[in-house]
Full PDB file with SEQRES, HELIX, SHEET, SSBOND, CRYST1, ORIGX, SCALE, CONECT and MASTER records, all heavy atoms in Angstrom:
SEQRES   1 A   35  ALA PRO PHE ASP CYS PHE ILE SER ASP ILE PHE LYS ASN          
SEQRES   2 A   35  SER GLY GLU ILE VAL SER ALA GLY MET PRO VAL LEU LEU          
SEQRES   3 A   35  LEU LYS GLN GLU GLY GLY TYR LYS ALA                          
SHEET    1 AA1 2 CYS A   5  ILE A  10  0                                        
SHEET    2 AA1 2 LEU A  25  GLN A  29 -1                                        
CRYST1    1.000    1.000    1.000  90.00  90.00  90.00 P 1           1          
ORIGX1      1.000000  0.000000  0.000000        0.00000                         
ORIGX2      0.000000  1.000000  0.000000        0.00000                         
ORIGX3      0.000000  0.000000  1.000000        0.00000                         
SCALE1      1.000000  0.000000  0.000000        0.00000                         
SCALE2      0.000000  1.000000  0.000000        0.00000                         
SCALE3      0.000000  0.000000  1.000000        0.00000                         
ATOM      1  N   ALA A   1     -49.785  36.206  16.537  1.00  0.00           N  
ATOM      2  CA  ALA A   1     -48.904  36.165  17.696  1.00  0.00           C  
ATOM      3  C   ALA A   1     -48.681  34.723  18.169  1.00  0.00           C  
ATOM      4  O   ALA A   1     -49.730  34.024  18.454  1.00  0.00           O  
ATOM      5  CB  ALA A   1     -49.475  36.998  18.811  1.00  0.00           C  
ATOM      6  N   PRO A   2     -47.425  34.220  18.146  1.00  0.00           N  
ATOM      7  CA  PRO A   2     -47.213  32.877  18.610  1.00  0.00           C  
ATOM      8  C   PRO A   2     -47.381  32.637  20.130  1.00  0.00           C  
ATOM      9  O   PRO A   2     -47.482  31.562  20.562  1.00  0.00           O  
ATOM     10  CB  PRO A   2     -45.758  32.631  18.175  1.00  0.00           C  
ATOM     11  CG  PRO A   2     -45.174  33.976  18.180  1.00  0.00           C  
ATOM     12  CD  PRO A   2     -46.182  35.017  17.839  1.00  0.00           C  
ATOM     13  N   PHE A   3     -47.318  33.766  20.897  1.00  0.00           N  
ATOM     14  CA  PHE A   3     -47.551  33.753  22.277  1.00  0.00           C  
ATOM     15  C   PHE A   3     -47.905  35.151  22.731  1.00  0.00           C  
ATOM     16  O   PHE A   3     -47.886  36.083  21.905  1.00  0.00           O  
ATOM     17  CB  PHE A   3     -46.283  33.282  23.023  1.00  0.00           C  
ATOM     18  CG  PHE A   3     -44.968  33.836  22.428  1.00  0.00           C  
ATOM     19  CD1 PHE A   3     -44.606  35.185  22.716  1.00  0.00           C  
ATOM     20  CD2 PHE A   3     -44.172  33.071  21.634  1.00  0.00           C  
ATOM     21  CE1 PHE A   3     -43.423  35.644  22.162  1.00  0.00           C  
ATOM     22  CE2 PHE A   3     -42.994  33.507  21.118  1.00  0.00           C  
ATOM     23  CZ  PHE A   3     -42.637  34.820  21.351  1.00  0.00           C  
ATOM     24  N   ASP A   4     -48.315  35.363  23.972  1.00  0.00           N  
ATOM     25  CA  ASP A   4     -48.594  36.638  24.485  1.00  0.00           C  
ATOM     26  C   ASP A   4     -47.311  37.493  24.314  1.00  0.00           C  
ATOM     27  O   ASP A   4     -46.263  37.081  24.917  1.00  0.00           O  
ATOM     28  CB  ASP A   4     -49.052  36.592  25.958  1.00  0.00           C  
ATOM     29  CG  ASP A   4     -50.382  35.988  26.160  1.00  0.00           C  
ATOM     30  OD1 ASP A   4     -51.100  35.807  25.083  1.00  0.00           O  
ATOM     31  OD2 ASP A   4     -50.784  35.728  27.245  1.00  0.00           O  
ATOM     32  N   CYS A   5     -47.401  38.588  23.633  1.00  0.00           N  
ATOM     33  CA  CYS A   5     -46.119  39.313  23.296  1.00  0.00           C  
ATOM     34  C   CYS A   5     -46.379  40.781  23.156  1.00  0.00           C  
ATOM     35  O   CYS A   5     -47.544  41.251  23.191  1.00  0.00           O  
ATOM     36  CB  CYS A   5     -45.497  38.739  22.048  1.00  0.00           C  
ATOM     37  SG  CYS A   5     -46.586  38.924  20.607  1.00  0.00           S  
ATOM     38  N   PHE A   6     -45.304  41.512  22.945  1.00  0.00           N  
ATOM     39  CA  PHE A   6     -45.364  42.896  22.589  1.00  0.00           C  
ATOM     40  C   PHE A   6     -44.369  43.127  21.494  1.00  0.00           C  
ATOM     41  O   PHE A   6     -43.371  42.447  21.277  1.00  0.00           O  
ATOM     42  CB  PHE A   6     -45.111  43.813  23.751  1.00  0.00           C  
ATOM     43  CG  PHE A   6     -43.757  43.772  24.384  1.00  0.00           C  
ATOM     44  CD1 PHE A   6     -42.817  44.583  23.947  1.00  0.00           C  
ATOM     45  CD2 PHE A   6     -43.504  42.806  25.387  1.00  0.00           C  
ATOM     46  CE1 PHE A   6     -41.475  44.513  24.541  1.00  0.00           C  
ATOM     47  CE2 PHE A   6     -42.235  42.703  25.938  1.00  0.00           C  
ATOM     48  CZ  PHE A   6     -41.261  43.568  25.500  1.00  0.00           C  
ATOM     49  N   ILE A   7     -44.557  44.249  20.738  1.00  0.00           N  
ATOM     50  CA  ILE A   7     -43.702  44.626  19.633  1.00  0.00           C  
ATOM     51  C   ILE A   7     -42.532  45.293  20.187  1.00  0.00           C  
ATOM     52  O   ILE A   7     -42.505  46.288  20.813  1.00  0.00           O  
ATOM     53  CB  ILE A   7     -44.437  45.535  18.693  1.00  0.00           C  
ATOM     54  CG1 ILE A   7     -45.732  44.908  18.202  1.00  0.00           C  
ATOM     55  CG2 ILE A   7     -43.477  45.864  17.430  1.00  0.00           C  
ATOM     56  CD1 ILE A   7     -45.646  43.653  17.470  1.00  0.00           C  
ATOM     57  N   SER A   8     -41.308  44.670  19.967  1.00  0.00           N  
ATOM     58  CA  SER A   8     -40.061  45.219  20.458  1.00  0.00           C  
ATOM     59  C   SER A   8     -39.387  46.010  19.362  1.00  0.00           C  
ATOM     60  O   SER A   8     -38.726  47.047  19.684  1.00  0.00           O  
ATOM     61  CB  SER A   8     -39.064  44.078  20.882  1.00  0.00           C  
ATOM     62  OG  SER A   8     -37.843  44.580  21.231  1.00  0.00           O  
ATOM     63  N   ASP A   9     -39.513  45.632  18.117  1.00  0.00           N  
ATOM     64  CA  ASP A   9     -38.876  46.378  17.024  1.00  0.00           C  
ATOM     65  C   ASP A   9     -39.683  46.184  15.771  1.00  0.00           C  
ATOM     66  O   ASP A   9     -40.321  45.139  15.536  1.00  0.00           O  
ATOM     67  CB  ASP A   9     -37.453  45.903  16.847  1.00  0.00           C  
ATOM     68  CG  ASP A   9     -36.590  47.025  16.259  1.00  0.00           C  
ATOM     69  OD1 ASP A   9     -37.093  48.070  15.839  1.00  0.00           O  
ATOM     70  OD2 ASP A   9     -35.350  46.814  16.221  1.00  0.00           O  
ATOM     71  N   ILE A  10     -39.720  47.277  14.949  1.00  0.00           N  
ATOM     72  CA  ILE A  10     -40.475  47.239  13.619  1.00  0.00           C  
ATOM     73  C   ILE A  10     -39.453  47.534  12.583  1.00  0.00           C  
ATOM     74  O   ILE A  10     -38.776  48.605  12.526  1.00  0.00           O  
ATOM     75  CB  ILE A  10     -41.619  48.293  13.625  1.00  0.00           C  
ATOM     76  CG1 ILE A  10     -42.581  47.977  14.799  1.00  0.00           C  
ATOM     77  CG2 ILE A  10     -42.301  48.323  12.305  1.00  0.00           C  
ATOM     78  CD1 ILE A  10     -43.705  49.048  14.963  1.00  0.00           C  
ATOM     79  N   PHE A  11     -39.402  46.580  11.524  1.00  0.00           N  
ATOM     80  CA  PHE A  11     -38.381  46.795  10.519  1.00  0.00           C  
ATOM     81  C   PHE A  11     -38.923  47.270   9.219  1.00  0.00           C  
ATOM     82  O   PHE A  11     -38.196  47.761   8.321  1.00  0.00           O  
ATOM     83  CB  PHE A  11     -37.670  45.386  10.237  1.00  0.00           C  
ATOM     84  CG  PHE A  11     -37.144  44.777  11.468  1.00  0.00           C  
ATOM     85  CD1 PHE A  11     -37.566  43.501  11.865  1.00  0.00           C  
ATOM     86  CD2 PHE A  11     -36.198  45.403  12.244  1.00  0.00           C  
ATOM     87  CE1 PHE A  11     -37.038  42.945  13.003  1.00  0.00           C  
ATOM     88  CE2 PHE A  11     -35.649  44.879  13.412  1.00  0.00           C  
ATOM     89  CZ  PHE A  11     -36.056  43.556  13.813  1.00  0.00           C  
ATOM     90  N   LYS A  12     -40.227  47.169   8.985  1.00  0.00           N  
ATOM     91  CA  LYS A  12     -40.888  47.589   7.745  1.00  0.00           C  
ATOM     92  C   LYS A  12     -42.038  48.405   8.037  1.00  0.00           C  
ATOM     93  O   LYS A  12     -42.502  48.611   9.204  1.00  0.00           O  
ATOM     94  CB  LYS A  12     -41.301  46.333   6.950  1.00  0.00           C  
ATOM     95  CG  LYS A  12     -40.155  45.467   6.535  1.00  0.00           C  
ATOM     96  CD  LYS A  12     -39.240  46.191   5.457  1.00  0.00           C  
ATOM     97  CE  LYS A  12     -38.076  45.289   5.089  1.00  0.00           C  
ATOM     98  NZ  LYS A  12     -37.134  45.981   4.187  1.00  0.00           N  
ATOM     99  N   ASN A  13     -42.636  48.991   7.007  1.00  0.00           N  
ATOM    100  CA  ASN A  13     -43.778  49.880   7.092  1.00  0.00           C  
ATOM    101  C   ASN A  13     -44.924  49.402   6.173  1.00  0.00           C  
ATOM    102  O   ASN A  13     -44.671  48.641   5.159  1.00  0.00           O  
ATOM    103  CB  ASN A  13     -43.457  51.315   6.670  1.00  0.00           C  
ATOM    104  CG  ASN A  13     -42.427  51.922   7.547  1.00  0.00           C  
ATOM    105  OD1 ASN A  13     -42.537  51.925   8.811  1.00  0.00           O  
ATOM    106  ND2 ASN A  13     -41.392  52.447   6.946  1.00  0.00           N  
ATOM    107  N   SER A  14     -46.156  49.679   6.539  1.00  0.00           N  
ATOM    108  CA  SER A  14     -47.328  49.363   5.642  1.00  0.00           C  
ATOM    109  C   SER A  14     -47.093  49.889   4.234  1.00  0.00           C  
ATOM    110  O   SER A  14     -46.567  51.060   4.116  1.00  0.00           O  
ATOM    111  CB  SER A  14     -48.552  49.892   6.251  1.00  0.00           C  
ATOM    112  OG  SER A  14     -48.851  49.360   7.560  1.00  0.00           O  
ATOM    113  N   GLY A  15     -47.443  49.141   3.248  1.00  0.00           N  
ATOM    114  CA  GLY A  15     -47.304  49.565   1.867  1.00  0.00           C  
ATOM    115  C   GLY A  15     -46.033  49.003   1.222  1.00  0.00           C  
ATOM    116  O   GLY A  15     -45.931  49.053  -0.015  1.00  0.00           O  
ATOM    117  N   GLU A  16     -45.005  48.609   1.963  1.00  0.00           N  
ATOM    118  CA  GLU A  16     -43.779  48.121   1.345  1.00  0.00           C  
ATOM    119  C   GLU A  16     -43.949  46.775   0.842  1.00  0.00           C  
ATOM    120  O   GLU A  16     -44.785  45.898   1.333  1.00  0.00           O  
ATOM    121  CB  GLU A  16     -42.673  48.117   2.485  1.00  0.00           C  
ATOM    122  CG  GLU A  16     -42.211  49.469   2.892  1.00  0.00           C  
ATOM    123  CD  GLU A  16     -40.906  49.398   3.729  1.00  0.00           C  
ATOM    124  OE1 GLU A  16     -39.974  48.669   3.320  1.00  0.00           O  
ATOM    125  OE2 GLU A  16     -40.854  49.958   4.817  1.00  0.00           O  
ATOM    126  N   ILE A  17     -43.126  46.422  -0.201  1.00  0.00           N  
ATOM    127  CA  ILE A  17     -43.136  45.083  -0.798  1.00  0.00           C  
ATOM    128  C   ILE A  17     -42.051  44.304  -0.105  1.00  0.00           C  
ATOM    129  O   ILE A  17     -40.935  44.803   0.089  1.00  0.00           O  
ATOM    130  CB  ILE A  17     -42.826  45.172  -2.304  1.00  0.00           C  
ATOM    131  CG1 ILE A  17     -43.809  46.082  -3.049  1.00  0.00           C  
ATOM    132  CG2 ILE A  17     -42.763  43.759  -2.915  1.00  0.00           C  
ATOM    133  CD1 ILE A  17     -45.236  45.477  -3.000  1.00  0.00           C  
ATOM    134  N   VAL A  18     -42.387  43.128   0.404  1.00  0.00           N  
ATOM    135  CA  VAL A  18     -41.422  42.314   1.132  1.00  0.00           C  
ATOM    136  C   VAL A  18     -41.351  40.960   0.382  1.00  0.00           C  
ATOM    137  O   VAL A  18     -42.267  40.470  -0.253  1.00  0.00           O  
ATOM    138  CB  VAL A  18     -41.821  42.094   2.620  1.00  0.00           C  
ATOM    139  CG1 VAL A  18     -41.746  43.440   3.337  1.00  0.00           C  
ATOM    140  CG2 VAL A  18     -43.269  41.496   2.740  1.00  0.00           C  
ATOM    141  N   SER A  19     -40.224  40.391   0.575  1.00  0.00           N  
ATOM    142  CA  SER A  19     -39.971  38.957   0.147  1.00  0.00           C  
ATOM    143  C   SER A  19     -40.144  37.970   1.285  1.00  0.00           C  
ATOM    144  O   SER A  19     -40.153  38.362   2.432  1.00  0.00           O  
ATOM    145  CB  SER A  19     -38.669  38.853  -0.445  1.00  0.00           C  
ATOM    146  OG  SER A  19     -38.327  39.729  -1.465  1.00  0.00           O  
ATOM    147  N   ALA A  20     -40.493  36.788   0.937  1.00  0.00           N  
ATOM    148  CA  ALA A  20     -40.639  35.693   1.919  1.00  0.00           C  
ATOM    149  C   ALA A  20     -39.325  35.632   2.701  1.00  0.00           C  
ATOM    150  O   ALA A  20     -38.279  35.621   2.262  1.00  0.00           O  
ATOM    151  CB  ALA A  20     -40.930  34.391   1.262  1.00  0.00           C  
ATOM    152  N   GLY A  21     -39.477  35.599   4.060  1.00  0.00           N  
ATOM    153  CA  GLY A  21     -38.369  35.455   4.944  1.00  0.00           C  
ATOM    154  C   GLY A  21     -37.751  36.799   5.412  1.00  0.00           C  
ATOM    155  O   GLY A  21     -36.863  36.776   6.218  1.00  0.00           O  
ATOM    156  N   MET A  22     -38.232  37.889   4.809  1.00  0.00           N  
ATOM    157  CA  MET A  22     -37.617  39.158   5.178  1.00  0.00           C  
ATOM    158  C   MET A  22     -38.198  39.652   6.515  1.00  0.00           C  
ATOM    159  O   MET A  22     -39.446  39.771   6.684  1.00  0.00           O  
ATOM    160  CB  MET A  22     -38.020  40.198   4.077  1.00  0.00           C  
ATOM    161  CG  MET A  22     -37.345  41.585   4.310  1.00  0.00           C  
ATOM    162  SD  MET A  22     -37.794  42.712   2.931  1.00  0.00           S  
ATOM    163  CE  MET A  22     -36.847  41.965   1.576  1.00  0.00           C  
ATOM    164  N   PRO A  23     -37.347  39.955   7.575  1.00  0.00           N  
ATOM    165  CA  PRO A  23     -37.909  40.321   8.858  1.00  0.00           C  
ATOM    166  C   PRO A  23     -38.740  41.576   8.808  1.00  0.00           C  
ATOM    167  O   PRO A  23     -38.338  42.546   8.165  1.00  0.00           O  
ATOM    168  CB  PRO A  23     -36.598  40.583   9.715  1.00  0.00           C  
ATOM    169  CG  PRO A  23     -35.568  39.752   9.020  1.00  0.00           C  
ATOM    170  CD  PRO A  23     -35.900  39.824   7.552  1.00  0.00           C  
ATOM    171  N   VAL A  24     -39.846  41.530   9.473  1.00  0.00           N  
ATOM    172  CA  VAL A  24     -40.694  42.708   9.586  1.00  0.00           C  
ATOM    173  C   VAL A  24     -40.925  43.197  11.043  1.00  0.00           C  
ATOM    174  O   VAL A  24     -41.081  44.394  11.280  1.00  0.00           O  
ATOM    175  CB  VAL A  24     -42.089  42.528   8.904  1.00  0.00           C  
ATOM    176  CG1 VAL A  24     -41.911  42.314   7.411  1.00  0.00           C  
ATOM    177  CG2 VAL A  24     -42.774  41.274   9.521  1.00  0.00           C  
ATOM    178  N   LEU A  25     -40.924  42.264  11.965  1.00  0.00           N  
ATOM    179  CA  LEU A  25     -41.179  42.554  13.404  1.00  0.00           C  
ATOM    180  C   LEU A  25     -40.290  41.732  14.350  1.00  0.00           C  
ATOM    181  O   LEU A  25     -39.906  40.593  13.947  1.00  0.00           O  
ATOM    182  CB  LEU A  25     -42.618  42.313  13.773  1.00  0.00           C  
ATOM    183  CG  LEU A  25     -43.664  43.134  13.111  1.00  0.00           C  
ATOM    184  CD1 LEU A  25     -45.043  42.576  13.456  1.00  0.00           C  
ATOM    185  CD2 LEU A  25     -43.633  44.577  13.522  1.00  0.00           C  
ATOM    186  N   LEU A  26     -39.979  42.316  15.461  1.00  0.00           N  
ATOM    187  CA  LEU A  26     -39.322  41.565  16.573  1.00  0.00           C  
ATOM    188  C   LEU A  26     -40.306  41.492  17.697  1.00  0.00           C  
ATOM    189  O   LEU A  26     -40.721  42.507  18.203  1.00  0.00           O  
ATOM    190  CB  LEU A  26     -38.060  42.168  16.990  1.00  0.00           C  
ATOM    191  CG  LEU A  26     -37.324  41.530  18.189  1.00  0.00           C  
ATOM    192  CD1 LEU A  26     -36.913  40.072  17.825  1.00  0.00           C  
ATOM    193  CD2 LEU A  26     -36.133  42.362  18.628  1.00  0.00           C  
ATOM    194  N   LEU A  27     -40.743  40.276  18.079  1.00  0.00           N  
ATOM    195  CA  LEU A  27     -41.676  40.070  19.167  1.00  0.00           C  
ATOM    196  C   LEU A  27     -40.985  39.539  20.354  1.00  0.00           C  
ATOM    197  O   LEU A  27     -40.081  38.745  20.305  1.00  0.00           O  
ATOM    198  CB  LEU A  27     -42.733  39.055  18.709  1.00  0.00           C  
ATOM    199  CG  LEU A  27     -43.537  39.378  17.444  1.00  0.00           C  
ATOM    200  CD1 LEU A  27     -44.588  38.210  17.224  1.00  0.00           C  
ATOM    201  CD2 LEU A  27     -44.187  40.716  17.515  1.00  0.00           C  
ATOM    202  N   LYS A  28     -41.337  40.044  21.520  1.00  0.00           N  
ATOM    203  CA  LYS A  28     -40.814  39.517  22.766  1.00  0.00           C  
ATOM    204  C   LYS A  28     -41.986  39.066  23.654  1.00  0.00           C  
ATOM    205  O   LYS A  28     -43.008  39.687  23.696  1.00  0.00           O  
ATOM    206  CB  LYS A  28     -39.997  40.561  23.466  1.00  0.00           C  
ATOM    207  CG  LYS A  28     -38.710  40.831  22.742  1.00  0.00           C  
ATOM    208  CD  LYS A  28     -37.770  41.804  23.490  1.00  0.00           C  
ATOM    209  CE  LYS A  28     -36.516  42.021  22.751  1.00  0.00           C  
ATOM    210  NZ  LYS A  28     -35.593  43.001  23.410  1.00  0.00           N  
ATOM    211  N   GLN A  29     -41.756  38.051  24.356  1.00  0.00           N  
ATOM    212  CA  GLN A  29     -42.823  37.467  25.212  1.00  0.00           C  
ATOM    213  C   GLN A  29     -43.174  38.456  26.386  1.00  0.00           C  
ATOM    214  O   GLN A  29     -42.252  39.008  26.965  1.00  0.00           O  
ATOM    215  CB  GLN A  29     -42.371  36.122  25.766  1.00  0.00           C  
ATOM    216  CG  GLN A  29     -43.461  35.379  26.619  1.00  0.00           C  
ATOM    217  CD  GLN A  29     -42.969  34.117  27.067  1.00  0.00           C  
ATOM    218  OE1 GLN A  29     -41.818  33.831  27.126  1.00  0.00           O  
ATOM    219  NE2 GLN A  29     -43.908  33.175  27.354  1.00  0.00           N  
ATOM    220  N   GLU A  30     -44.428  38.608  26.581  1.00  0.00           N  
ATOM    221  CA  GLU A  30     -44.893  39.427  27.696  1.00  0.00           C  
ATOM    222  C   GLU A  30     -44.408  38.725  28.980  1.00  0.00           C  
ATOM    223  O   GLU A  30     -44.708  37.545  29.182  1.00  0.00           O  
ATOM    224  CB  GLU A  30     -46.446  39.492  27.677  1.00  0.00           C  
ATOM    225  CG  GLU A  30     -46.980  40.478  26.644  1.00  0.00           C  
ATOM    226  CD  GLU A  30     -46.870  41.904  27.071  1.00  0.00           C  
ATOM    227  OE1 GLU A  30     -46.237  42.177  28.085  1.00  0.00           O  
ATOM    228  OE2 GLU A  30     -47.521  42.729  26.388  1.00  0.00           O  
ATOM    229  N   GLY A  31     -43.703  39.473  29.818  1.00  0.00           N  
ATOM    230  CA  GLY A  31     -43.194  38.855  31.060  1.00  0.00           C  
ATOM    231  C   GLY A  31     -42.206  37.830  30.822  1.00  0.00           C  
ATOM    232  O   GLY A  31     -41.906  36.992  31.667  1.00  0.00           O  
ATOM    233  N   GLY A  32     -41.570  37.920  29.663  1.00  0.00           N  
ATOM    234  CA  GLY A  32     -40.704  36.771  29.335  1.00  0.00           C  
ATOM    235  C   GLY A  32     -39.246  37.130  29.475  1.00  0.00           C  
ATOM    236  O   GLY A  32     -38.397  36.410  28.948  1.00  0.00           O  
ATOM    237  N   TYR A  33     -38.927  38.095  30.332  1.00  0.00           N  
ATOM    238  CA  TYR A  33     -37.482  38.408  30.616  1.00  0.00           C  
ATOM    239  C   TYR A  33     -36.969  37.642  31.823  1.00  0.00           C  
ATOM    240  O   TYR A  33     -37.717  37.388  32.745  1.00  0.00           O  
ATOM    241  CB  TYR A  33     -37.349  39.925  30.789  1.00  0.00           C  
ATOM    242  CG  TYR A  33     -37.332  40.718  29.441  1.00  0.00           C  
ATOM    243  CD1 TYR A  33     -38.322  41.691  29.302  1.00  0.00           C  
ATOM    244  CD2 TYR A  33     -36.419  40.470  28.499  1.00  0.00           C  
ATOM    245  CE1 TYR A  33     -38.290  42.420  28.113  1.00  0.00           C  
ATOM    246  CE2 TYR A  33     -36.456  41.235  27.315  1.00  0.00           C  
ATOM    247  CZ  TYR A  33     -37.390  42.141  27.151  1.00  0.00           C  
ATOM    248  OH  TYR A  33     -37.406  42.907  26.009  1.00  0.00           O  
ATOM    249  N   LYS A  34     -35.699  37.448  31.789  1.00  0.00           N  
ATOM    250  CA  LYS A  34     -35.041  36.945  32.949  1.00  0.00           C  
ATOM    251  C   LYS A  34     -33.744  37.776  33.277  1.00  0.00           C  
ATOM    252  O   LYS A  34     -33.265  38.367  32.259  1.00  0.00           O  
ATOM    253  CB  LYS A  34     -34.689  35.492  32.815  1.00  0.00           C  
ATOM    254  CG  LYS A  34     -33.721  35.199  31.644  1.00  0.00           C  
ATOM    255  CD  LYS A  34     -33.355  33.736  31.554  1.00  0.00           C  
ATOM    256  CE  LYS A  34     -32.410  33.508  30.430  1.00  0.00           C  
ATOM    257  NZ  LYS A  34     -31.930  32.100  30.338  1.00  0.00           N  
ATOM    258  N   ALA A  35     -33.366  37.778  34.452  1.00  0.00           N  
ATOM    259  CA  ALA A  35     -32.088  38.472  34.817  1.00  0.00           C  
ATOM    260  C   ALA A  35     -31.152  37.396  35.234  1.00  0.00           C  
ATOM    261  O   ALA A  35     -31.402  36.479  35.987  1.00  0.00           O  
ATOM    262  CB  ALA A  35     -32.360  39.443  35.985  1.00  0.00           C  
TER     263      ALA A  35                                                      
MASTER        0    0    0    0    2    0    0    6  262    1    0    3          
END                                                                             
């Protein structure tokens, strides 16, 4: 985790073969929203 965060979206599943640079997760900063 690059910062305190939570999982916003999951693009892959355990067991899948992935290539370098292929998105697997979307992380959002905890308390990191603004209006």
